[in-house]
Amino acid sequence: MKGPLLLLAGIALYSLLDANNKLMSAAYGVGQAAVFRYGTLLLLLGAAALLVRGGLGTLRTDRPGMH
């Protein structure tokens, strides 16, 4: 049951990210909006990874050749 909930959360967060980017692009240039968007996303992902057991190691794949 965890998978569908994560899927719905991802869709909702993507929608929020897209709406926020459209609002920011009216006030800021494309480069500034992109840096702010992806910088914030990187910080949030890093913080979430540190909160999960295993730390940043959970972002690693077991099979890098498959990517």
PDB file of N, CA and C in Angstrom:
ATOM      1  N   MET A   1       0.814  -1.192   0.000  1.00  0.00           N
ATOM      2  CA  MET A   1       0.000   0.000   0.000  1.00  0.00           C
ATOM      3  C   MET A   1       0.859   1.257   0.000  1.00  0.00           C
ATOM      4  N   LYS A   2       2.154   1.095   0.244  1.00  0.00           N
ATOM      5  CA  LYS A   2       3.050   2.243   0.304  1.00  0.00           C
ATOM      6  C   LYS A   2       3.294   2.844  -1.087  1.00  0.00           C
ATOM      7  N   GLY A   3       3.369   2.000  -2.103  1.00  0.00           N
ATOM      8  CA  GLY A   3       3.666   2.455  -3.461  1.00  0.00           C
ATOM      9  C   GLY A   3       2.647   3.434  -4.020  1.00  0.00           C
ATOM     10  N   PRO A   4       1.341   3.095  -3.997  1.00  0.00           N
ATOM     11  CA  PRO A   4       0.347   4.035  -4.525  1.00  0.00           C
ATOM     12  C   PRO A   4       0.319   5.369  -3.774  1.00  0.00           C
ATOM     13  N   LEU A   5       0.548   5.324  -2.468  1.00  0.00           N
ATOM     14  CA  LEU A   5       0.571   6.573  -1.702  1.00  0.00           C
ATOM     15  C   LEU A   5       1.765   7.443  -2.099  1.00  0.00           C
ATOM     16  N   LEU A   6       2.902   6.808  -2.324  1.00  0.00           N
ATOM     17  CA  LEU A   6       4.071   7.560  -2.773  1.00  0.00           C
ATOM     18  C   LEU A   6       3.856   8.118  -4.177  1.00  0.00           C
ATOM     19  N   LEU A   7       3.169   7.365  -5.024  1.00  0.00           N
ATOM     20  CA  LEU A   7       2.861   7.839  -6.366  1.00  0.00           C
ATOM     21  C   LEU A   7       1.972   9.068  -6.314  1.00  0.00           C
ATOM     22  N   LEU A   8       0.925   9.028  -5.500  1.00  0.00           N
ATOM     23  CA  LEU A   8       0.033  10.180  -5.362  1.00  0.00           C
ATOM     24  C   LEU A   8       0.751  11.379  -4.761  1.00  0.00           C
ATOM     25  N   ALA A   9       1.613  11.141  -3.787  1.00  0.00           N
ATOM     26  CA  ALA A   9       2.378  12.237  -3.195  1.00  0.00           C
ATOM     27  C   ALA A   9       3.310  12.863  -4.231  1.00  0.00           C
ATOM     28  N   GLY A  10       3.932  12.049  -5.065  1.00  0.00           N
ATOM     29  CA  GLY A  10       4.810  12.567  -6.111  1.00  0.00           C
ATOM     30  C   GLY A  10       4.060  13.394  -7.134  1.00  0.00           C
ATOM     31  N   ILE A  11       2.885  12.950  -7.522  1.00  0.00           N
ATOM     32  CA  ILE A  11       2.073  13.697  -8.484  1.00  0.00           C
ATOM     33  C   ILE A  11       1.652  15.037  -7.887  1.00  0.00           C
ATOM     34  N   ALA A  12       1.238  15.025  -6.610  1.00  0.00           N
ATOM     35  CA  ALA A  12       0.826  16.265  -5.952  1.00  0.00           C
ATOM     36  C   ALA A  12       2.000  17.232  -5.820  1.00  0.00           C
ATOM     37  N   LEU A  13       3.162  16.727  -5.433  1.00  0.00           N
ATOM     38  CA  LEU A  13       4.323  17.601  -5.291  1.00  0.00           C
ATOM     39  C   LEU A  13       4.794  18.144  -6.638  1.00  0.00           C
ATOM     40  N   TYR A  14       4.717  17.340  -7.673  1.00  0.00           N
ATOM     41  CA  TYR A  14       5.086  17.825  -9.005  1.00  0.00           C
ATOM     42  C   TYR A  14       4.149  18.939  -9.450  1.00  0.00           C
ATOM     43  N   SER A  15       2.860  18.804  -9.162  1.00  0.00           N
ATOM     44  CA  SER A  15       1.898  19.842  -9.516  1.00  0.00           C
ATOM     45  C   SER A  15       2.193  21.138  -8.773  1.00  0.00           C
ATOM     46  N   LEU A  16       2.518  21.020  -7.486  1.00  0.00           N
ATOM     47  CA  LEU A  16       2.872  22.215  -6.710  1.00  0.00           C
ATOM     48  C   LEU A  16       4.152  22.861  -7.234  1.00  0.00           C
ATOM     49  N   LEU A  17       5.126  22.054  -7.580  1.00  0.00           N
ATOM     50  CA  LEU A  17       6.377  22.565  -8.117  1.00  0.00           C
ATOM     51  C   LEU A  17       6.158  23.282  -9.439  1.00  0.00           C
ATOM     52  N   ASP A  18       5.315  22.734 -10.288  1.00  0.00           N
ATOM     53  CA  ASP A  18       5.022  23.345 -11.576  1.00  0.00           C
ATOM     54  C   ASP A  18       4.287  24.674 -11.398  1.00  0.00           C
ATOM     55  N   ALA A  19       3.296  24.711 -10.510  1.00  0.00           N
ATOM     56  CA  ALA A  19       2.557  25.949 -10.263  1.00  0.00           C
ATOM     57  C   ALA A  19       3.472  27.015  -9.664  1.00  0.00           C
ATOM     58  N   ASN A  20       4.327  26.620  -8.750  1.00  0.00           N
ATOM     59  CA  ASN A  20       5.260  27.566  -8.147  1.00  0.00           C
ATOM     60  C   ASN A  20       6.231  28.116  -9.183  1.00  0.00           C
ATOM     61  N   ASN A  21       6.695  27.270 -10.071  1.00  0.00           N
ATOM     62  CA  ASN A  21       7.619  27.715 -11.113  1.00  0.00           C
ATOM     63  C   ASN A  21       6.950  28.716 -12.054  1.00  0.00           C
ATOM     64  N   LYS A  22       5.688  28.502 -12.369  1.00  0.00           N
ATOM     65  CA  LYS A  22       4.974  29.439 -13.238  1.00  0.00           C
ATOM     66  C   LYS A  22       4.794  30.792 -12.559  1.00  0.00           C
ATOM     67  N   LEU A  23       4.524  30.772 -11.260  1.00  0.00           N
ATOM     68  CA  LEU A  23       4.395  32.029 -10.524  1.00  0.00           C
ATOM     69  C   LEU A  23       5.735  32.756 -10.432  1.00  0.00           C
ATOM     70  N   MET A  24       6.797  32.010 -10.207  1.00  0.00           N
ATOM     71  CA  MET A  24       8.122  32.630 -10.093  1.00  0.00           C
ATOM     72  C   MET A  24       8.618  33.167 -11.419  1.00  0.00           C
ATOM     73  N   SER A  25       8.274  32.527 -12.512  1.00  0.00           N
ATOM     74  CA  SER A  25       8.783  32.965 -13.810  1.00  0.00           C
ATOM     75  C   SER A  25       8.205  34.309 -14.226  1.00  0.00           C
ATOM     76  N   ALA A  26       7.094  34.725 -13.620  1.00  0.00           N
ATOM     77  CA  ALA A  26       6.536  36.045 -13.920  1.00  0.00           C
ATOM     78  C   ALA A  26       7.352  37.150 -13.253  1.00  0.00           C
ATOM     79  N   ALA A  27       7.989  36.854 -12.130  1.00  0.00           N
ATOM     80  CA  ALA A  27       8.719  37.866 -11.379  1.00  0.00           C
ATOM     81  C   ALA A  27      10.231  37.786 -11.570  1.00  0.00           C
ATOM     82  N   TYR A  28      10.742  36.612 -11.911  1.00  0.00           N
ATOM     83  CA  TYR A  28      12.183  36.411 -12.031  1.00  0.00           C
ATOM     84  C   TYR A  28      12.525  35.897 -13.421  1.00  0.00           C
ATOM     85  N   GLY A  29      13.799  36.000 -13.762  1.00  0.00           N
ATOM     86  CA  GLY A  29      14.269  35.461 -15.024  1.00  0.00           C
ATOM     87  C   GLY A  29      14.296  33.939 -14.989  1.00  0.00           C
ATOM     88  N   VAL A  30      14.459  33.345 -16.148  1.00  0.00           N
ATOM     89  CA  VAL A  30      14.449  31.889 -16.253  1.00  0.00           C
ATOM     90  C   VAL A  30      15.588  31.268 -15.452  1.00  0.00           C
ATOM     91  N   GLY A  31      16.761  31.852 -15.537  1.00  0.00           N
ATOM     92  CA  GLY A  31      17.910  31.317 -14.809  1.00  0.00           C
ATOM     93  C   GLY A  31      17.734  31.390 -13.309  1.00  0.00           C
ATOM     94  N   GLN A  32      17.230  32.523 -12.820  1.00  0.00           N
ATOM     95  CA  GLN A  32      17.003  32.675 -11.384  1.00  0.00           C
ATOM     96  C   GLN A  32      15.940  31.698 -10.891  1.00  0.00           C
ATOM     97  N   ALA A  33      14.878  31.549 -11.649  1.00  0.00           N
ATOM     98  CA  ALA A  33      13.812  30.623 -11.254  1.00  0.00           C
ATOM     99  C   ALA A  33      14.332  29.184 -11.222  1.00  0.00           C
ATOM    100  N   ALA A  34      15.151  28.818 -12.190  1.00  0.00           N
ATOM    101  CA  ALA A  34      15.689  27.455 -12.238  1.00  0.00           C
ATOM    102  C   ALA A  34      16.635  27.194 -11.070  1.00  0.00           C
ATOM    103  N   VAL A  35      17.508  28.152 -10.765  1.00  0.00           N
ATOM    104  CA  VAL A  35      18.439  27.979  -9.644  1.00  0.00           C
ATOM    105  C   VAL A  35      17.677  27.864  -8.334  1.00  0.00           C
ATOM    106  N   PHE A  36      16.686  28.705  -8.135  1.00  0.00           N
ATOM    107  CA  PHE A  36      15.899  28.651  -6.914  1.00  0.00           C
ATOM    108  C   PHE A  36      15.125  27.339  -6.823  1.00  0.00           C
ATOM    109  N   ARG A  37      14.521  26.925  -7.940  1.00  0.00           N
ATOM    110  CA  ARG A  37      13.717  25.703  -7.960  1.00  0.00           C
ATOM    111  C   ARG A  37      14.556  24.477  -7.627  1.00  0.00           C
ATOM    112  N   TYR A  38      15.647  24.307  -8.362  1.00  0.00           N
ATOM    113  CA  TYR A  38      16.442  23.101  -8.185  1.00  0.00           C
ATOM    114  C   TYR A  38      17.323  23.163  -6.941  1.00  0.00           C
ATOM    115  N   GLY A  39      17.727  24.352  -6.532  1.00  0.00           N
ATOM    116  CA  GLY A  39      18.470  24.497  -5.287  1.00  0.00           C
ATOM    117  C   GLY A  39      17.620  24.115  -4.089  1.00  0.00           C
ATOM    118  N   THR A  40      16.388  24.599  -4.066  1.00  0.00           N
ATOM    119  CA  THR A  40      15.469  24.256  -2.990  1.00  0.00           C
ATOM    120  C   THR A  40      15.174  22.764  -3.003  1.00  0.00           C
ATOM    121  N   LEU A  41      14.957  22.207  -4.171  1.00  0.00           N
ATOM    122  CA  LEU A  41      14.682  20.777  -4.291  1.00  0.00           C
ATOM    123  C   LEU A  41      15.866  19.949  -3.786  1.00  0.00           C
ATOM    124  N   LEU A  42      17.080  20.370  -4.099  1.00  0.00           N
ATOM    125  CA  LEU A  42      18.268  19.658  -3.650  1.00  0.00           C
ATOM    126  C   LEU A  42      18.394  19.704  -2.129  1.00  0.00           C
ATOM    127  N   LEU A  43      18.134  20.864  -1.530  1.00  0.00           N
ATOM    128  CA  LEU A  43      18.195  20.983  -0.076  1.00  0.00           C
ATOM    129  C   LEU A  43      17.140  20.112   0.603  1.00  0.00           C
ATOM    130  N   LEU A  44      15.923  20.118   0.071  1.00  0.00           N
ATOM    131  CA  LEU A  44      14.863  19.303   0.661  1.00  0.00           C
ATOM    132  C   LEU A  44      15.147  17.812   0.515  1.00  0.00           C
ATOM    133  N   LEU A  45      15.674  17.415  -0.626  1.00  0.00           N
ATOM    134  CA  LEU A  45      16.021  16.009  -0.836  1.00  0.00           C
ATOM    135  C   LEU A  45      17.143  15.572   0.102  1.00  0.00           C
ATOM    136  N   GLY A  46      18.137  16.432   0.283  1.00  0.00           N
ATOM    137  CA  GLY A  46      19.219  16.124   1.204  1.00  0.00           C
ATOM    138  C   GLY A  46      18.735  16.010   2.641  1.00  0.00           C
ATOM    139  N   ALA A  47      17.846  16.936   3.048  1.00  0.00           N
ATOM    140  CA  ALA A  47      17.300  16.886   4.407  1.00  0.00           C
ATOM    141  C   ALA A  47      16.463  15.631   4.610  1.00  0.00           C
ATOM    142  N   ALA A  48      15.659  15.272   3.613  1.00  0.00           N
ATOM    143  CA  ALA A  48      14.841  14.060   3.723  1.00  0.00           C
ATOM    144  C   ALA A  48      15.715  12.818   3.782  1.00  0.00           C
ATOM    145  N   ALA A  49      16.790  12.805   3.019  1.00  0.00           N
ATOM    146  CA  ALA A  49      17.676  11.645   3.019  1.00  0.00           C
ATOM    147  C   ALA A  49      18.391  11.504   4.354  1.00  0.00           C
ATOM    148  N   LEU A  50      18.704  12.611   5.003  1.00  0.00           N
ATOM    149  CA  LEU A  50      19.365  12.540   6.303  1.00  0.00           C
ATOM    150  C   LEU A  50      18.416  12.060   7.392  1.00  0.00           C
ATOM    151  N   LEU A  51      17.119  12.332   7.220  1.00  0.00           N
ATOM    152  CA  LEU A  51      16.141  11.897   8.205  1.00  0.00           C
ATOM    153  C   LEU A  51      15.833  10.405   8.103  1.00  0.00           C
ATOM    154  N   VAL A  52      15.995   9.856   6.916  1.00  0.00           N
ATOM    155  CA  VAL A  52      15.721   8.432   6.696  1.00  0.00           C
ATOM    156  C   VAL A  52      16.885   7.615   7.249  1.00  0.00           C
ATOM    157  N   ARG A  53      16.579   6.468   7.795  1.00  0.00           N
ATOM    158  CA  ARG A  53      17.636   5.596   8.320  1.00  0.00           C
ATOM    159  C   ARG A  53      18.565   5.190   7.187  1.00  0.00           C
ATOM    160  N   GLY A  54      19.824   5.393   7.373  1.00  0.00           N
ATOM    161  CA  GLY A  54      20.802   5.070   6.338  1.00  0.00           C
ATOM    162  C   GLY A  54      21.430   6.309   5.739  1.00  0.00           C
ATOM    163  N   GLY A  55      20.841   7.459   5.991  1.00  0.00           N
ATOM    164  CA  GLY A  55      21.395   8.725   5.531  1.00  0.00           C
ATOM    165  C   GLY A  55      21.455   8.843   4.021  1.00  0.00           C
ATOM    166  N   LEU A  56      22.495   9.505   3.537  1.00  0.00           N
ATOM    167  CA  LEU A  56      22.631   9.750   2.101  1.00  0.00           C
ATOM    168  C   LEU A  56      22.908   8.478   1.309  1.00  0.00           C
ATOM    169  N   GLY A  57      23.286   7.408   1.985  1.00  0.00           N
ATOM    170  CA  GLY A  57      23.526   6.139   1.309  1.00  0.00           C
ATOM    171  C   GLY A  57      22.273   5.555   0.689  1.00  0.00           C
ATOM    172  N   THR A  58      21.096   6.008   1.144  1.00  0.00           N
ATOM    173  CA  THR A  58      19.850   5.506   0.574  1.00  0.00           C
ATOM    174  C   THR A  58      19.615   6.039  -0.828  1.00  0.00           C
ATOM    175  N   LEU A  59      20.360   7.066  -1.237  1.00  0.00           N
ATOM    176  CA  LEU A  59      20.208   7.606  -2.581  1.00  0.00           C
ATOM    177  C   LEU A  59      21.032   6.841  -3.606  1.00  0.00           C
ATOM    178  N   ARG A  60      21.864   5.928  -3.149  1.00  0.00           N
ATOM    179  CA  ARG A  60      22.691   5.132  -4.038  1.00  0.00           C
ATOM    180  C   ARG A  60      21.920   3.935  -4.566  1.00  0.00           C
ATOM    181  N   THR A  61      22.233   3.525  -5.772  1.00  0.00           N
ATOM    182  CA  THR A  61      21.599   2.351  -6.350  1.00  0.00           C
ATOM    183  C   THR A  61      22.475   1.115  -6.115  1.00  0.00           C
ATOM    184  N   ASP A  62      21.815  -0.031  -6.074  1.00  0.00           N
ATOM    185  CA  ASP A  62      22.561  -1.276  -5.927  1.00  0.00           C
ATOM    186  C   ASP A  62      23.172  -1.734  -7.244  1.00  0.00           C
ATOM    187  N   ARG A  63      22.609  -1.287  -8.350  1.00  0.00           N
ATOM    188  CA  ARG A  63      23.061  -1.704  -9.685  1.00  0.00           C
ATOM    189  C   ARG A  63      23.304  -0.486 -10.572  1.00  0.00           C
ATOM    190  N   PRO A  64      24.436   0.201 -10.429  1.00  0.00           N
ATOM    191  CA  PRO A  64      24.678   1.400 -11.232  1.00  0.00           C
ATOM    192  C   PRO A  64      24.773   1.123 -12.733  1.00  0.00           C
ATOM    193  N   GLY A  65      25.146  -0.080 -13.113  1.00  0.00           N
ATOM    194  CA  GLY A  65      25.221  -0.414 -14.529  1.00  0.00           C
ATOM    195  C   GLY A  65      23.865  -0.462 -15.207  1.00  0.00           C
ATOM    196  N   MET A  66      22.810  -0.669 -14.431  1.00  0.00           N
ATOM    197  CA  MET A  66      21.461  -0.737 -14.989  1.00  0.00           C
ATOM    198  C   MET A  66      20.888   0.651 -15.307  1.00  0.00           C
ATOM    199  N   HIS A  67      21.538   1.686 -14.795  1.00  0.00           N
ATOM    200  CA  HIS A  67      21.054   3.039 -15.068  1.00  0.00           C
ATOM    201  C   HIS A  67      21.580   3.445 -16.413  1.00  0.00           C
TER     202      HIS A  67
END
